Amino acid sequence: MIPVGWYLLLSATLFSIGLVGFIIRRDLIVMLMCLEIMFNAVNIAFASFSYYNANLIGQIFVLFSIAVAASEAVIGLAIVLALVRNTGINHSDDIANLRG
């Protein structure tokens, strides 16, 4: 059996990669992908704690979280693609120019 610390190390590494990517990059699609990486890191932590404690509630929560994250990704990507298509803005710094 793999210790829970290894899963938490993987989760912390993925969350750190996603956080650094979200903060440094300004491309909207890349920011959405980094946000999804952070969500998946949290799901790994939940699933590892659930497996370690022999409790299925955490794994059920992970399944619902994956479903919500998938729908969030679809809606977010549709909004970003509509923004890029209609205004040509692809960077988060340029969104402030839409205020008028």
N, C-alpha and C. Protein backbone atom coordinates (compact mmCIF):
# COMPACT_ATOMS: atom_id res chain seq x y z
N MET A 1 0.84 -1.18 0.00
CA MET A 1 0.00 0.00 0.00
C MET A 1 0.89 1.25 0.00
N ILE A 2 0.55 2.19 -0.86
CA ILE A 2 1.30 3.44 -0.95
C ILE A 2 0.85 4.34 0.20
N PRO A 3 1.79 4.94 0.92
CA PRO A 3 1.40 5.82 2.03
C PRO A 3 0.65 7.06 1.54
N VAL A 4 -0.19 7.59 2.41
CA VAL A 4 -1.00 8.74 2.03
C VAL A 4 -0.14 9.98 1.80
N GLY A 5 1.04 10.02 2.38
CA GLY A 5 1.93 11.16 2.18
C GLY A 5 2.36 11.34 0.74
N TRP A 6 2.53 10.24 0.03
CA TRP A 6 2.91 10.33 -1.39
C TRP A 6 1.78 10.96 -2.21
N TYR A 7 0.55 10.57 -1.90
CA TYR A 7 -0.59 11.16 -2.60
C TYR A 7 -0.70 12.66 -2.29
N LEU A 8 -0.45 13.02 -1.04
CA LEU A 8 -0.51 14.43 -0.68
C LEU A 8 0.63 15.22 -1.31
N LEU A 9 1.79 14.60 -1.46
CA LEU A 9 2.89 15.25 -2.15
C LEU A 9 2.55 15.48 -3.62
N LEU A 10 1.94 14.49 -4.26
CA LEU A 10 1.50 14.65 -5.64
C LEU A 10 0.45 15.74 -5.74
N SER A 11 -0.49 15.75 -4.81
CA SER A 11 -1.54 16.76 -4.82
C SER A 11 -0.97 18.16 -4.61
N ALA A 12 -0.04 18.31 -3.68
CA ALA A 12 0.57 19.61 -3.43
C ALA A 12 1.39 20.08 -4.63
N THR A 13 2.07 19.15 -5.29
CA THR A 13 2.86 19.50 -6.46
C THR A 13 1.96 19.98 -7.60
N LEU A 14 0.88 19.24 -7.86
CA LEU A 14 -0.05 19.64 -8.91
C LEU A 14 -0.70 20.98 -8.59
N PHE A 15 -1.08 21.17 -7.33
CA PHE A 15 -1.70 22.44 -6.95
C PHE A 15 -0.72 23.59 -7.12
N SER A 16 0.54 23.37 -6.77
CA SER A 16 1.55 24.42 -6.92
C SER A 16 1.78 24.76 -8.39
N ILE A 17 1.84 23.75 -9.23
CA ILE A 17 2.01 23.99 -10.66
C ILE A 17 0.83 24.78 -11.21
N GLY A 18 -0.38 24.40 -10.82
CA GLY A 18 -1.56 25.12 -11.28
C GLY A 18 -1.60 26.55 -10.76
N LEU A 19 -1.21 26.76 -9.51
CA LEU A 19 -1.23 28.10 -8.93
C LEU A 19 -0.20 29.01 -9.60
N VAL A 20 1.00 28.50 -9.81
CA VAL A 20 2.04 29.29 -10.48
C VAL A 20 1.62 29.60 -11.91
N GLY A 21 1.06 28.62 -12.60
CA GLY A 21 0.59 28.87 -13.97
C GLY A 21 -0.53 29.88 -14.02
N PHE A 22 -1.43 29.84 -13.04
CA PHE A 22 -2.55 30.78 -13.01
C PHE A 22 -2.07 32.20 -12.73
N ILE A 23 -1.07 32.33 -11.86
CA ILE A 23 -0.58 33.66 -11.50
C ILE A 23 0.31 34.25 -12.59
N ILE A 24 1.16 33.43 -13.19
CA ILE A 24 2.15 33.95 -14.14
C ILE A 24 1.56 34.17 -15.53
N ARG A 25 0.81 33.21 -16.04
CA ARG A 25 0.32 33.30 -17.41
C ARG A 25 -0.89 34.23 -17.49
N ARG A 26 -1.05 34.94 -18.58
CA ARG A 26 -2.16 35.86 -18.76
C ARG A 26 -3.11 35.43 -19.88
N ASP A 27 -2.83 34.33 -20.53
CA ASP A 27 -3.71 33.80 -21.55
C ASP A 27 -4.93 33.17 -20.86
N LEU A 28 -6.13 33.52 -21.29
CA LEU A 28 -7.33 33.10 -20.59
C LEU A 28 -7.54 31.59 -20.64
N ILE A 29 -7.24 30.95 -21.76
CA ILE A 29 -7.43 29.51 -21.87
C ILE A 29 -6.43 28.77 -20.99
N VAL A 30 -5.20 29.26 -20.93
CA VAL A 30 -4.19 28.64 -20.06
C VAL A 30 -4.58 28.82 -18.59
N MET A 31 -5.16 29.96 -18.26
CA MET A 31 -5.61 30.18 -16.89
C MET A 31 -6.72 29.19 -16.52
N LEU A 32 -7.63 28.91 -17.45
CA LEU A 32 -8.67 27.92 -17.19
C LEU A 32 -8.08 26.52 -16.99
N MET A 33 -7.08 26.19 -17.80
CA MET A 33 -6.44 24.88 -17.65
C MET A 33 -5.73 24.77 -16.31
N CYS A 34 -5.07 25.82 -15.87
CA CYS A 34 -4.39 25.80 -14.57
C CYS A 34 -5.40 25.70 -13.43
N LEU A 35 -6.55 26.32 -13.59
CA LEU A 35 -7.60 26.20 -12.59
C LEU A 35 -8.10 24.77 -12.50
N GLU A 36 -8.23 24.11 -13.62
CA GLU A 36 -8.65 22.70 -13.62
C GLU A 36 -7.59 21.81 -12.98
N ILE A 37 -6.31 22.12 -13.19
CA ILE A 37 -5.24 21.35 -12.53
C ILE A 37 -5.35 21.48 -11.02
N MET A 38 -5.66 22.69 -10.55
CA MET A 38 -5.82 22.88 -9.11
C MET A 38 -7.02 22.12 -8.57
N PHE A 39 -8.13 22.10 -9.32
CA PHE A 39 -9.30 21.31 -8.90
C PHE A 39 -8.97 19.83 -8.81
N ASN A 40 -8.22 19.33 -9.79
CA ASN A 40 -7.86 17.92 -9.79
C ASN A 40 -6.91 17.58 -8.65
N ALA A 41 -6.04 18.51 -8.27
CA ALA A 41 -5.15 18.28 -7.14
C ALA A 41 -5.95 18.13 -5.85
N VAL A 42 -6.96 18.95 -5.68
CA VAL A 42 -7.82 18.84 -4.50
C VAL A 42 -8.58 17.51 -4.52
N ASN A 43 -9.03 17.09 -5.69
CA ASN A 43 -9.73 15.81 -5.81
C ASN A 43 -8.81 14.64 -5.44
N ILE A 44 -7.55 14.71 -5.81
CA ILE A 44 -6.60 13.65 -5.44
C ILE A 44 -6.44 13.60 -3.93
N ALA A 45 -6.38 14.77 -3.30
CA ALA A 45 -6.25 14.79 -1.83
C ALA A 45 -7.49 14.21 -1.17
N PHE A 46 -8.68 14.58 -1.65
CA PHE A 46 -9.90 14.02 -1.09
C PHE A 46 -9.96 12.51 -1.25
N ALA A 47 -9.62 12.03 -2.44
CA ALA A 47 -9.68 10.59 -2.69
C ALA A 47 -8.66 9.84 -1.86
N SER A 48 -7.48 10.41 -1.66
CA SER A 48 -6.46 9.72 -0.86
C SER A 48 -6.87 9.65 0.61
N PHE A 49 -7.42 10.73 1.15
CA PHE A 49 -7.90 10.68 2.53
C PHE A 49 -9.06 9.70 2.68
N SER A 50 -9.92 9.65 1.68
CA SER A 50 -11.04 8.73 1.73
C SER A 50 -10.57 7.28 1.69
N TYR A 51 -9.59 7.00 0.86
CA TYR A 51 -9.06 5.64 0.79
C TYR A 51 -8.30 5.27 2.07
N TYR A 52 -7.57 6.23 2.61
CA TYR A 52 -6.80 5.99 3.82
C TYR A 52 -7.71 5.71 5.02
N ASN A 53 -8.84 6.39 5.10
CA ASN A 53 -9.79 6.20 6.20
C ASN A 53 -10.84 5.14 5.92
N ALA A 54 -10.78 4.49 4.77
CA ALA A 54 -11.72 3.45 4.36
C ALA A 54 -13.16 3.95 4.44
N ASN A 55 -13.38 5.14 3.86
CA ASN A 55 -14.68 5.77 3.87
C ASN A 55 -15.03 6.18 2.43
N LEU A 56 -16.22 5.84 1.99
CA LEU A 56 -16.59 6.12 0.60
C LEU A 56 -17.15 7.52 0.39
N ILE A 57 -17.40 8.25 1.45
CA ILE A 57 -18.02 9.56 1.31
C ILE A 57 -17.10 10.51 0.54
N GLY A 58 -15.82 10.46 0.81
CA GLY A 58 -14.87 11.31 0.09
C GLY A 58 -14.81 10.98 -1.38
N GLN A 59 -14.88 9.71 -1.72
CA GLN A 59 -14.84 9.32 -3.12
C GLN A 59 -16.11 9.73 -3.85
N ILE A 60 -17.24 9.67 -3.18
CA ILE A 60 -18.49 10.14 -3.78
C ILE A 60 -18.42 11.65 -3.99
N PHE A 61 -17.85 12.37 -3.02
CA PHE A 61 -17.68 13.81 -3.17
C PHE A 61 -16.77 14.12 -4.35
N VAL A 62 -15.74 13.32 -4.56
CA VAL A 62 -14.84 13.53 -5.70
C VAL A 62 -15.59 13.34 -7.01
N LEU A 63 -16.46 12.35 -7.09
CA LEU A 63 -17.23 12.15 -8.32
C LEU A 63 -18.12 13.35 -8.62
N PHE A 64 -18.80 13.87 -7.60
CA PHE A 64 -19.63 15.05 -7.80
C PHE A 64 -18.77 16.27 -8.15
N SER A 65 -17.62 16.38 -7.54
CA SER A 65 -16.73 17.49 -7.82
C SER A 65 -16.21 17.44 -9.26
N ILE A 66 -15.93 16.27 -9.75
CA ILE A 66 -15.48 16.13 -11.14
C ILE A 66 -16.60 16.53 -12.10
N ALA A 67 -17.83 16.15 -11.78
CA ALA A 67 -18.96 16.54 -12.63
C ALA A 67 -19.16 18.05 -12.65
N VAL A 68 -19.06 18.68 -11.49
CA VAL A 68 -19.21 20.14 -11.42
C VAL A 68 -18.05 20.82 -12.13
N ALA A 69 -16.83 20.31 -11.97
CA ALA A 69 -15.67 20.91 -12.62
C ALA A 69 -15.76 20.78 -14.14
N ALA A 70 -16.30 19.68 -14.61
CA ALA A 70 -16.45 19.51 -16.06
C ALA A 70 -17.46 20.50 -16.62
N SER A 71 -18.58 20.69 -15.93
CA SER A 71 -19.56 21.66 -16.41
C SER A 71 -19.02 23.08 -16.30
N GLU A 72 -18.26 23.36 -15.26
CA GLU A 72 -17.64 24.68 -15.11
C GLU A 72 -16.64 24.94 -16.22
N ALA A 73 -15.89 23.92 -16.59
CA ALA A 73 -14.91 24.08 -17.66
C ALA A 73 -15.59 24.34 -19.00
N VAL A 74 -16.69 23.68 -19.25
CA VAL A 74 -17.40 23.87 -20.51
C VAL A 74 -17.98 25.28 -20.60
N ILE A 75 -18.60 25.73 -19.51
CA ILE A 75 -19.19 27.07 -19.52
C ILE A 75 -18.09 28.14 -19.59
N GLY A 76 -17.02 27.96 -18.82
CA GLY A 76 -15.92 28.92 -18.85
C GLY A 76 -15.26 28.99 -20.21
N LEU A 77 -15.05 27.84 -20.83
CA LEU A 77 -14.43 27.83 -22.15
C LEU A 77 -15.34 28.47 -23.19
N ALA A 78 -16.65 28.26 -23.08
CA ALA A 78 -17.58 28.91 -24.01
C ALA A 78 -17.55 30.42 -23.85
N ILE A 79 -17.48 30.90 -22.61
CA ILE A 79 -17.42 32.35 -22.38
C ILE A 79 -16.11 32.92 -22.93
N VAL A 80 -15.00 32.24 -22.67
CA VAL A 80 -13.71 32.73 -23.16
C VAL A 80 -13.66 32.72 -24.68
N LEU A 81 -14.15 31.67 -25.31
CA LEU A 81 -14.12 31.62 -26.77
C LEU A 81 -15.04 32.67 -27.39
N ALA A 82 -16.18 32.94 -26.76
CA ALA A 82 -17.06 34.01 -27.26
C ALA A 82 -16.38 35.37 -27.10
N LEU A 83 -15.68 35.58 -25.99
CA LEU A 83 -14.96 36.83 -25.77
C LEU A 83 -13.85 37.01 -26.81
N VAL A 84 -13.11 35.94 -27.08
CA VAL A 84 -12.03 36.02 -28.06
C VAL A 84 -12.59 36.24 -29.46
N ARG A 85 -13.68 35.57 -29.77
CA ARG A 85 -14.25 35.68 -31.11
C ARG A 85 -14.86 37.06 -31.35
N ASN A 86 -15.54 37.62 -30.36
CA ASN A 86 -16.25 38.89 -30.56
C ASN A 86 -15.35 40.11 -30.40
N THR A 87 -14.37 40.05 -29.50
CA THR A 87 -13.56 41.24 -29.24
C THR A 87 -12.10 41.07 -29.62
N GLY A 88 -11.62 39.85 -29.80
CA GLY A 88 -10.22 39.62 -30.12
C GLY A 88 -9.32 39.68 -28.90
N ILE A 89 -9.91 39.77 -27.71
CA ILE A 89 -9.13 39.85 -26.48
C ILE A 89 -8.81 38.44 -26.00
N ASN A 90 -7.53 38.15 -25.78
CA ASN A 90 -7.12 36.82 -25.35
C ASN A 90 -6.35 36.87 -24.03
N HIS A 91 -6.02 38.06 -23.53
CA HIS A 91 -5.25 38.18 -22.30
C HIS A 91 -6.12 38.80 -21.21
N SER A 92 -5.88 38.39 -19.99
CA SER A 92 -6.69 38.87 -18.89
C SER A 92 -6.45 40.34 -18.59
N ASP A 93 -5.31 40.88 -18.97
CA ASP A 93 -5.04 42.31 -18.73
C ASP A 93 -5.90 43.21 -19.61
N ASP A 94 -6.31 42.71 -20.77
CA ASP A 94 -7.09 43.52 -21.70
C ASP A 94 -8.58 43.57 -21.37
N ILE A 95 -9.04 42.77 -20.45
CA ILE A 95 -10.45 42.72 -20.11
C ILE A 95 -10.89 44.02 -19.45
N ALA A 96 -10.00 44.69 -18.74
CA ALA A 96 -10.34 45.97 -18.10
C ALA A 96 -10.70 47.04 -19.12
N ASN A 97 -10.26 46.88 -20.37
CA ASN A 97 -10.58 47.86 -21.41
C ASN A 97 -12.03 47.76 -21.87
N LEU A 98 -12.74 46.70 -21.49
CA LEU A 98 -14.13 46.52 -21.92
C LEU A 98 -15.10 47.36 -21.11
N ARG A 99 -14.65 48.01 -20.07
CA ARG A 99 -15.56 48.77 -19.20
C ARG A 99 -16.14 50.00 -19.91
N GLY A 100 -15.42 50.55 -20.83
CA GLY A 100 -15.93 51.66 -21.62
C GLY A 100 -15.61 52.97 -21.16
